[in-house]
Amino acid sequence: MSLFIFLDRLILLILGYNINTRFLVKLSVHSLNPKFKLAIFLFVGAVPFSVLWAQDSYIEKLSQTSYEIPMQFISGGSFTMGSPTSEPGHFGDEGPQHQVTVDGFWMGQYEITWDLYNLFVTRELDQNQVNKTPNSEVQIDVDGVSGATTPYVEMSFGMGIDGYPAICMTQLAAVKFCEWLSAMTGHFYRLPTEAEWEYACRAGSQTAYSFGEDTAQLGDYAWYAENSNEKYQKVGTKRPNPWGLYDMHGNVAEWTLDQYLPTAYRQRTGSVENPLSSGDKVYPKTVRGGSWMDAPNRLRSAARRPSSKQWKKRDPQIPKSKWWHTDAPFVGFRVVRPLVTPSEEAQKKYWKYESIQ
C-alpha cells in the first residue's frame, strides 16, 4: 500500500467514515493534492489512534469482577427513518419518512440485566472503579454519581433476575446507570438516541422488521404477547438481527435519550445528521422496540412509544419516585458508546445533571 493510499484511509477514518460504505462518494479526499493530504493528516493527528483502529466489537468488563457487557460496533451511515403509511401497523408519529445519518458507535448486544443493574442500585462494587488517566474518556469519580433508591417492592415481580432484563427504571435512572458505568470503566456510555436505536435495529433493512415483513418469523427473533408466557425472558435467547444485536424486537421496550414529540419527523427537512429531540420535560420520553406484553405491530423497527405518568400509578410515595416506574414492567434499556467521545460538558448533558439539582 502506498503512503498516500494509507493517508487516504486514515483521513477518512479520522473524519468518522467507514471506508466500506457507499457514503464516501460525498467526499473528495482521493482527489486532493498529496502534500495537502499530508497536511490534513498532520493537522488532525491529535485524534487518538484508538478512534482509528478501535472499530471492532469488544467486551466491557467491570474491574475485579466477572460481569461483562458485550459491545457490538455499528458503523456510521445513512438510512431511511420512519415507516411508510402502507406498512401494516403504521402510526402517524412514524412519518414522514426521512433520510438520517448517524456517526459510528458501539451498542450493547443485550439489554442490561438485573445482575448488572442491581450493582448500580446497591453500589457494592464502587471501590472497583478503574483508575483514571489523562487518556481516559471520562474523568468522573463514581462517588459523584447519583444513585437510585432501593425500591419499596421487588421490581422483577418474580419474573427472574439472573440473566433477565432489568425493568421499571425511569429514564433518569437509566441515564444515571450509564454515568455510573462510565465512572466504573473509564469509557463514556449513554443511552442511544432514537435515530441510533432505529438504525441499529434495522441493521440495513427497510422492512417492518429487521428480518423482513413476515410476522410468522417474529417468534424466531422476539418475545412478545403471543409467545412470552406473560413474562419477560432471559436476554439473548432468540436470534439476533443481522448486526448481531439481540432482543431489538420485543422482550422489553428500551429507553432512548429523546423527548417524545409526535410531530418530530415533520419538523425535519432534507437529510439530517445525528438528530436528537431534547427536552426538559419528564414526560413523555421515547421508548423503542416493543415488549413481552405487546402485539407484533409494536415490535416494528419504526414503532415509537411515549412514556407516561401512569407508569407510576401505584407508587405510594409522596412525591413519587424519580427512579422507578412501578407500572412499567415492560421497559428496560441498553447502552451505547459513541466512536468519538464528547467533551466533558456534553457528557454532563447526556447524563442529565440539570435533572437532579
Protein backbone atom coordinates (compact mmCIF):
# COMPACT_ATOMS: atom_id res chain seq x y z
CA MET A 1 0.00 0.00 0.00
CA SER A 2 1.41 3.38 -0.94
CA LEU A 3 1.86 6.11 1.64
CA PHE A 4 -0.86 8.27 0.10
CA ILE A 5 -3.42 5.47 -0.14
CA PHE A 6 -2.66 4.85 3.52
CA LEU A 7 -3.20 8.56 4.23
CA ASP A 8 -6.47 8.44 2.29
CA ARG A 9 -7.81 5.82 4.63
CA LEU A 10 -6.52 7.45 7.77
CA ILE A 11 -8.14 10.76 6.84
CA LEU A 12 -11.46 9.08 6.09
CA LEU A 13 -11.36 7.21 9.37
CA ILE A 14 -10.50 10.38 11.27
CA LEU A 15 -13.47 12.06 9.66
CA GLY A 16 -15.62 9.35 11.14
CA TYR A 17 -16.49 7.38 7.99
CA ASN A 18 -16.26 3.66 7.45
CA ILE A 19 -14.25 3.05 4.28
CA ASN A 20 -16.56 0.25 3.22
CA THR A 21 -19.73 2.33 2.98
CA ARG A 22 -21.19 3.89 -0.11
CA PHE A 23 -21.37 7.31 1.50
CA LEU A 24 -17.72 8.06 0.76
CA VAL A 25 -18.77 9.36 -2.63
CA LYS A 26 -19.69 12.54 -0.77
CA LEU A 27 -16.02 13.15 0.00
CA SER A 28 -13.29 14.26 -2.38
CA VAL A 29 -10.31 13.19 -0.28
CA HIS A 30 -8.90 11.00 -3.05
CA SER A 31 -8.62 13.95 -5.41
CA LEU A 32 -6.61 16.11 -3.01
CA ASN A 33 -3.03 17.11 -3.69
CA PRO A 34 -0.74 14.58 -1.91
CA LYS A 35 1.01 17.34 0.04
CA PHE A 36 -2.37 18.67 1.18
CA LYS A 37 -3.34 15.16 2.31
CA LEU A 38 -0.23 15.01 4.43
CA ALA A 39 -1.03 18.42 5.92
CA ILE A 40 -4.57 17.30 6.80
CA PHE A 41 -3.19 14.17 8.40
CA LEU A 42 -0.70 16.13 10.49
CA PHE A 43 -3.38 18.68 11.44
CA VAL A 44 -5.83 16.08 12.68
CA GLY A 45 -3.15 13.80 14.03
CA ALA A 46 -4.16 14.67 17.56
CA VAL A 47 -7.15 12.35 17.14
CA PRO A 48 -6.35 9.27 19.26
CA PHE A 49 -5.37 6.21 17.28
CA SER A 50 -7.90 4.32 19.39
CA VAL A 51 -10.53 6.12 17.31
CA LEU A 52 -8.85 5.00 14.10
CA TRP A 53 -8.35 1.36 14.91
CA ALA A 54 -10.92 0.54 17.59
CA GLN A 55 -13.73 -0.20 15.15
CA ASP A 56 -14.16 -3.72 16.48
CA SER A 57 -16.62 -5.22 18.89
CA TYR A 58 -15.36 -5.77 22.42
CA ILE A 59 -16.43 -6.92 25.86
CA GLU A 60 -16.62 -4.32 28.62
CA LYS A 61 -15.63 -5.81 31.96
CA LEU A 62 -16.17 -4.40 35.41
CA SER A 63 -12.84 -4.40 37.22
CA GLN A 64 -12.16 -7.32 39.58
CA THR A 65 -15.48 -8.97 38.75
CA SER A 66 -16.84 -11.48 36.25
CA TYR A 67 -19.51 -9.06 35.00
CA GLU A 68 -19.32 -8.34 31.28
CA ILE A 69 -21.17 -6.27 28.67
CA PRO A 70 -20.54 -7.39 25.07
CA MET A 71 -20.47 -4.30 22.85
CA GLN A 72 -21.18 -4.56 19.11
CA PHE A 73 -19.62 -1.99 16.79
CA ILE A 74 -22.13 -0.26 14.48
CA SER A 75 -20.53 1.56 11.55
CA GLY A 76 -21.92 5.02 10.90
CA GLY A 77 -24.09 5.52 7.84
CA SER A 78 -27.40 6.73 6.47
CA PHE A 79 -30.85 5.17 6.46
CA THR A 80 -34.50 5.97 5.92
CA MET A 81 -36.05 6.64 9.34
CA GLY A 82 -39.75 6.07 9.97
CA SER A 83 -42.26 3.92 8.10
CA PRO A 84 -44.47 4.37 5.05
CA THR A 85 -48.21 4.76 5.55
CA SER A 86 -48.65 1.49 3.68
CA GLU A 87 -46.79 -0.51 6.33
CA PRO A 88 -49.19 -2.65 8.40
CA GLY A 89 -49.36 -1.23 11.92
CA HIS A 90 -48.07 2.20 10.87
CA PHE A 91 -48.74 5.06 13.32
CA GLY A 92 -48.82 8.73 12.37
CA ASP A 93 -45.82 9.57 14.55
CA GLU A 94 -43.63 7.40 12.31
CA GLY A 95 -43.80 9.76 9.37
CA PRO A 96 -42.94 11.27 7.13
CA GLN A 97 -40.00 9.04 6.30
CA HIS A 98 -36.75 10.96 6.02
CA GLN A 99 -33.04 10.41 5.49
CA VAL A 100 -30.87 10.33 8.60
CA THR A 101 -27.12 9.95 9.01
CA VAL A 102 -25.62 8.73 12.28
CA ASP A 103 -21.99 8.50 13.38
CA GLY A 104 -20.42 5.21 14.40
CA PHE A 105 -20.96 3.77 17.88
CA TRP A 106 -20.88 0.62 19.91
CA MET A 107 -24.15 -0.79 21.25
CA GLY A 108 -24.73 -3.41 23.91
CA GLN A 109 -25.53 -6.74 22.29
CA TYR A 110 -28.04 -7.37 25.05
CA GLU A 111 -30.43 -5.41 27.22
CA ILE A 112 -28.97 -4.52 30.62
CA THR A 113 -29.79 -7.32 33.05
CA TRP A 114 -30.72 -7.22 36.71
CA ASP A 115 -27.33 -8.75 37.56
CA LEU A 116 -25.68 -5.54 36.37
CA TYR A 117 -28.37 -3.04 37.24
CA ASN A 118 -28.51 -4.13 40.87
CA LEU A 119 -24.81 -3.31 41.19
CA PHE A 120 -25.72 0.27 40.34
CA VAL A 121 -28.57 0.25 42.89
CA THR A 122 -26.56 -1.29 45.74
CA ARG A 123 -23.25 0.40 44.82
CA GLU A 124 -21.42 -2.51 46.44
CA LEU A 125 -18.65 -2.58 43.82
CA ASP A 126 -17.91 1.14 43.62
CA GLN A 127 -14.47 0.61 45.13
CA ASN A 128 -13.54 -1.32 41.99
CA GLN A 129 -13.72 1.67 39.66
CA VAL A 130 -10.74 1.92 37.33
CA ASN A 131 -8.01 4.45 37.94
CA LYS A 132 -8.48 7.34 35.51
CA THR A 133 -5.61 8.63 33.38
CA PRO A 134 -5.42 11.77 31.20
CA ASN A 135 -6.33 9.49 28.28
CA SER A 136 -9.49 8.15 29.91
CA GLU A 137 -12.70 9.10 28.11
CA VAL A 138 -14.26 10.24 31.38
CA GLN A 139 -12.72 11.76 34.49
CA ILE A 140 -15.62 11.48 36.93
CA ASP A 141 -15.36 9.68 40.25
CA VAL A 142 -18.04 7.13 40.99
CA ASP A 143 -18.72 8.79 44.35
CA GLY A 144 -20.09 11.78 42.46
CA VAL A 145 -22.71 9.76 40.60
CA SER A 146 -26.26 9.94 41.94
CA GLY A 147 -27.71 6.53 42.73
CA ALA A 148 -31.18 5.05 42.55
CA THR A 149 -33.01 4.41 45.78
CA THR A 150 -33.88 0.87 46.80
CA PRO A 151 -37.43 0.19 45.55
CA TYR A 152 -40.17 -0.45 48.07
CA VAL A 153 -41.22 -3.62 46.24
CA GLU A 154 -39.24 -6.29 44.39
CA MET A 155 -39.23 -4.85 40.88
CA SER A 156 -38.73 -8.07 38.93
CA PHE A 157 -42.18 -9.15 40.19
CA GLY A 158 -40.94 -12.73 40.37
CA MET A 159 -40.15 -12.96 36.65
CA GLY A 160 -36.43 -13.63 37.16
CA ILE A 161 -33.13 -11.89 37.99
CA ASP A 162 -30.01 -13.67 36.74
CA GLY A 163 -29.73 -13.07 33.00
CA TYR A 164 -33.12 -11.37 32.79
CA PRO A 165 -33.58 -7.75 31.66
CA ALA A 166 -33.83 -5.05 34.31
CA ILE A 167 -37.16 -3.24 34.19
CA CYS A 168 -39.24 -0.48 35.77
CA MET A 169 -36.48 2.12 35.96
CA THR A 170 -37.20 5.69 34.88
CA GLN A 171 -35.30 7.25 32.03
CA LEU A 172 -33.32 9.29 34.57
CA ALA A 173 -32.33 6.08 36.36
CA ALA A 174 -31.18 4.51 33.07
CA VAL A 175 -29.17 7.65 32.30
CA LYS A 176 -27.52 7.54 35.73
CA PHE A 177 -26.66 3.87 35.25
CA CYS A 178 -24.79 4.95 32.12
CA GLU A 179 -22.91 7.58 34.11
CA TRP A 180 -22.10 5.04 36.82
CA LEU A 181 -20.85 2.54 34.22
CA SER A 182 -18.71 5.29 32.70
CA ALA A 183 -17.15 6.09 36.08
CA MET A 184 -16.53 2.40 36.76
CA THR A 185 -14.84 1.69 33.41
CA GLY A 186 -13.35 4.98 32.21
CA HIS A 187 -15.32 4.67 28.93
CA PHE A 188 -18.14 7.05 28.04
CA TYR A 189 -21.56 5.38 27.97
CA ARG A 190 -25.04 6.81 27.43
CA LEU A 191 -28.46 5.84 26.14
CA PRO A 192 -28.94 5.65 22.37
CA THR A 193 -30.80 8.36 20.52
CA GLU A 194 -33.97 7.32 18.70
CA ALA A 195 -32.11 7.57 15.41
CA GLU A 196 -29.22 5.41 16.60
CA TRP A 197 -31.64 2.88 18.02
CA GLU A 198 -33.67 2.55 14.81
CA TYR A 199 -30.55 2.48 12.65
CA ALA A 200 -29.13 -0.38 14.73
CA CYS A 201 -32.46 -2.19 14.87
CA ARG A 202 -32.97 -2.06 11.12
CA ALA A 203 -29.43 -3.32 10.51
CA GLY A 204 -29.58 -2.25 6.88
CA SER A 205 -33.17 -3.37 6.30
CA GLN A 206 -36.04 -1.21 5.05
CA THR A 207 -38.76 -3.65 6.07
CA ALA A 208 -41.09 -3.60 9.07
CA TYR A 209 -38.73 -5.87 11.00
CA SER A 210 -35.00 -6.43 10.65
CA PHE A 211 -35.69 -9.91 9.25
CA GLY A 212 -38.37 -8.85 6.75
CA GLU A 213 -42.14 -8.41 6.67
CA ASP A 214 -43.39 -11.86 7.65
CA THR A 215 -44.77 -11.82 11.21
CA ALA A 216 -44.77 -15.63 11.12
CA GLN A 217 -40.99 -15.35 11.67
CA LEU A 218 -41.32 -12.99 14.63
CA GLY A 219 -41.18 -15.81 17.17
CA ASP A 220 -37.67 -16.67 16.00
CA TYR A 221 -36.40 -13.21 16.93
CA ALA A 222 -38.64 -11.85 19.66
CA TRP A 223 -40.51 -12.46 22.88
CA TYR A 224 -43.91 -10.82 22.60
CA ALA A 225 -47.50 -11.31 23.73
CA GLU A 226 -48.04 -14.47 21.71
CA ASN A 227 -45.05 -16.49 22.99
CA SER A 228 -43.78 -14.87 26.21
CA ASN A 229 -45.95 -16.77 28.69
CA GLU A 230 -46.86 -13.39 30.20
CA LYS A 231 -43.36 -12.57 31.42
CA TYR A 232 -40.05 -11.34 30.14
CA GLN A 233 -37.41 -13.93 29.23
CA LYS A 234 -33.63 -14.23 29.53
CA VAL A 235 -31.77 -11.91 27.19
CA GLY A 236 -30.18 -13.31 24.06
CA THR A 237 -32.31 -16.44 23.79
CA LYS A 238 -33.77 -15.55 20.39
CA ARG A 239 -31.96 -14.99 17.10
CA PRO A 240 -30.02 -11.72 16.72
CA ASN A 241 -30.62 -9.17 13.99
CA PRO A 242 -28.17 -9.04 11.04
CA TRP A 243 -25.80 -6.81 13.02
CA GLY A 244 -25.56 -9.16 15.99
CA LEU A 245 -27.94 -7.38 18.38
CA TYR A 246 -30.38 -9.44 20.43
CA ASP A 247 -33.93 -8.58 21.51
CA MET A 248 -34.19 -5.39 19.48
CA HIS A 249 -37.69 -6.63 18.77
CA GLY A 250 -39.57 -7.45 21.96
CA ASN A 251 -38.63 -8.82 25.41
CA VAL A 252 -38.51 -5.33 26.95
CA ALA A 253 -39.03 -1.96 25.32
CA GLU A 254 -35.96 0.26 25.58
CA TRP A 255 -35.34 3.81 26.71
CA THR A 256 -33.80 6.32 24.32
CA LEU A 257 -32.47 9.82 25.01
CA ASP A 258 -35.20 11.57 23.07
CA GLN A 259 -38.12 13.59 24.29
CA TYR A 260 -41.17 12.07 22.62
CA LEU A 261 -42.56 14.51 20.06
CA PRO A 262 -45.31 13.02 17.88
CA THR A 263 -44.58 15.54 15.13
CA ALA A 264 -40.79 15.38 15.35
CA TYR A 265 -40.34 13.93 11.88
CA ARG A 266 -42.46 16.63 10.28
CA GLN A 267 -40.05 19.24 11.60
CA ARG A 268 -37.08 17.71 9.79
CA THR A 269 -36.31 18.86 6.26
CA GLY A 270 -33.94 17.15 3.89
CA SER A 271 -31.30 14.81 5.25
CA VAL A 272 -30.43 15.28 8.93
CA GLU A 273 -27.37 14.23 10.89
CA ASN A 274 -27.46 12.72 14.38
CA PRO A 275 -30.91 14.06 15.31
CA LEU A 276 -31.89 14.26 18.97
CA SER A 277 -35.20 15.62 20.24
CA SER A 278 -34.01 17.13 23.51
CA GLY A 279 -36.31 18.47 26.20
CA ASP A 280 -36.54 19.07 29.93
CA LYS A 281 -39.99 17.59 30.49
CA VAL A 282 -40.03 14.35 32.48
CA TYR A 283 -42.85 13.07 30.27
CA PRO A 284 -43.08 11.87 27.65
CA LYS A 285 -39.73 10.31 26.70
CA THR A 286 -39.42 7.78 23.88
CA VAL A 287 -39.09 4.03 24.24
CA ARG A 288 -38.49 1.65 21.35
CA GLY A 289 -38.71 -2.00 20.36
CA GLY A 290 -41.89 -3.26 21.99
CA SER A 291 -42.04 -5.82 24.77
CA TRP A 292 -43.18 -9.21 26.01
CA MET A 293 -46.63 -7.70 26.54
CA ASP A 294 -47.10 -6.30 23.03
CA ALA A 295 -48.68 -7.26 19.74
CA PRO A 296 -46.44 -7.54 16.64
CA ASN A 297 -47.14 -4.02 15.37
CA ARG A 298 -45.48 -2.56 18.49
CA LEU A 299 -42.29 -4.51 17.73
CA ARG A 300 -41.67 -2.97 14.32
CA SER A 301 -38.37 -1.17 13.76
CA ALA A 302 -40.11 2.20 13.31
CA ALA A 303 -42.61 1.89 16.18
CA ARG A 304 -42.40 4.65 18.82
CA ARG A 305 -43.96 4.81 22.25
CA PRO A 306 -44.18 7.71 24.71
CA SER A 307 -43.62 7.25 28.43
CA SER A 308 -46.46 8.22 30.76
CA LYS A 309 -47.16 9.38 34.29
CA GLN A 310 -49.46 6.36 34.51
CA TRP A 311 -46.33 4.21 34.74
CA LYS A 312 -46.12 5.38 38.39
CA LYS A 313 -49.80 4.97 39.17
CA ARG A 314 -49.32 2.51 42.05
CA ASP A 315 -46.30 4.24 43.57
CA PRO A 316 -47.49 5.14 47.11
CA GLN A 317 -44.62 7.53 47.83
CA ILE A 318 -45.15 11.29 48.06
CA PRO A 319 -43.57 12.63 46.00
CA LYS A 320 -43.45 9.68 43.64
CA SER A 321 -40.04 8.14 42.99
CA LYS A 322 -37.91 9.66 40.26
CA TRP A 323 -36.07 6.35 39.96
CA TRP A 324 -38.79 3.72 39.49
CA HIS A 325 -41.88 3.11 37.36
CA THR A 326 -43.97 0.69 39.38
CA ASP A 327 -46.36 0.14 36.48
CA ALA A 328 -43.87 -0.34 33.65
CA PRO A 329 -42.67 -3.96 33.91
CA PHE A 330 -42.11 -3.86 30.17
CA VAL A 331 -39.42 -1.14 29.97
CA GLY A 332 -35.65 -1.61 30.14
CA PHE A 333 -32.65 -0.31 28.19
CA ARG A 334 -29.28 -0.99 26.60
CA VAL A 335 -26.21 1.25 26.42
CA VAL A 336 -24.14 2.80 23.64
CA ARG A 337 -20.63 4.20 23.47
CA PRO A 338 -20.01 6.71 20.65
CA LEU A 339 -16.93 6.27 18.50
CA VAL A 340 -15.95 9.90 19.13
CA THR A 341 -16.05 10.82 22.81
CA PRO A 342 -17.92 14.08 23.54
CA SER A 343 -16.50 16.88 25.65
CA GLU A 344 -16.87 16.83 29.42
CA GLU A 345 -19.58 19.49 29.16
CA ALA A 346 -21.51 17.45 26.60
CA GLN A 347 -21.14 14.32 28.71
CA LYS A 348 -22.92 16.02 31.58
CA LYS A 349 -25.81 16.95 29.31
CA TYR A 350 -26.19 13.34 28.23
CA TRP A 351 -26.19 12.35 31.90
CA LYS A 352 -28.82 15.00 32.75
CA TYR A 353 -27.02 16.82 35.53
CA GLU A 354 -29.72 19.50 35.46
CA SER A 355 -32.39 16.89 36.25
CA ILE A 356 -31.08 16.10 39.73
CA GLN A 357 -30.31 19.56 41.07
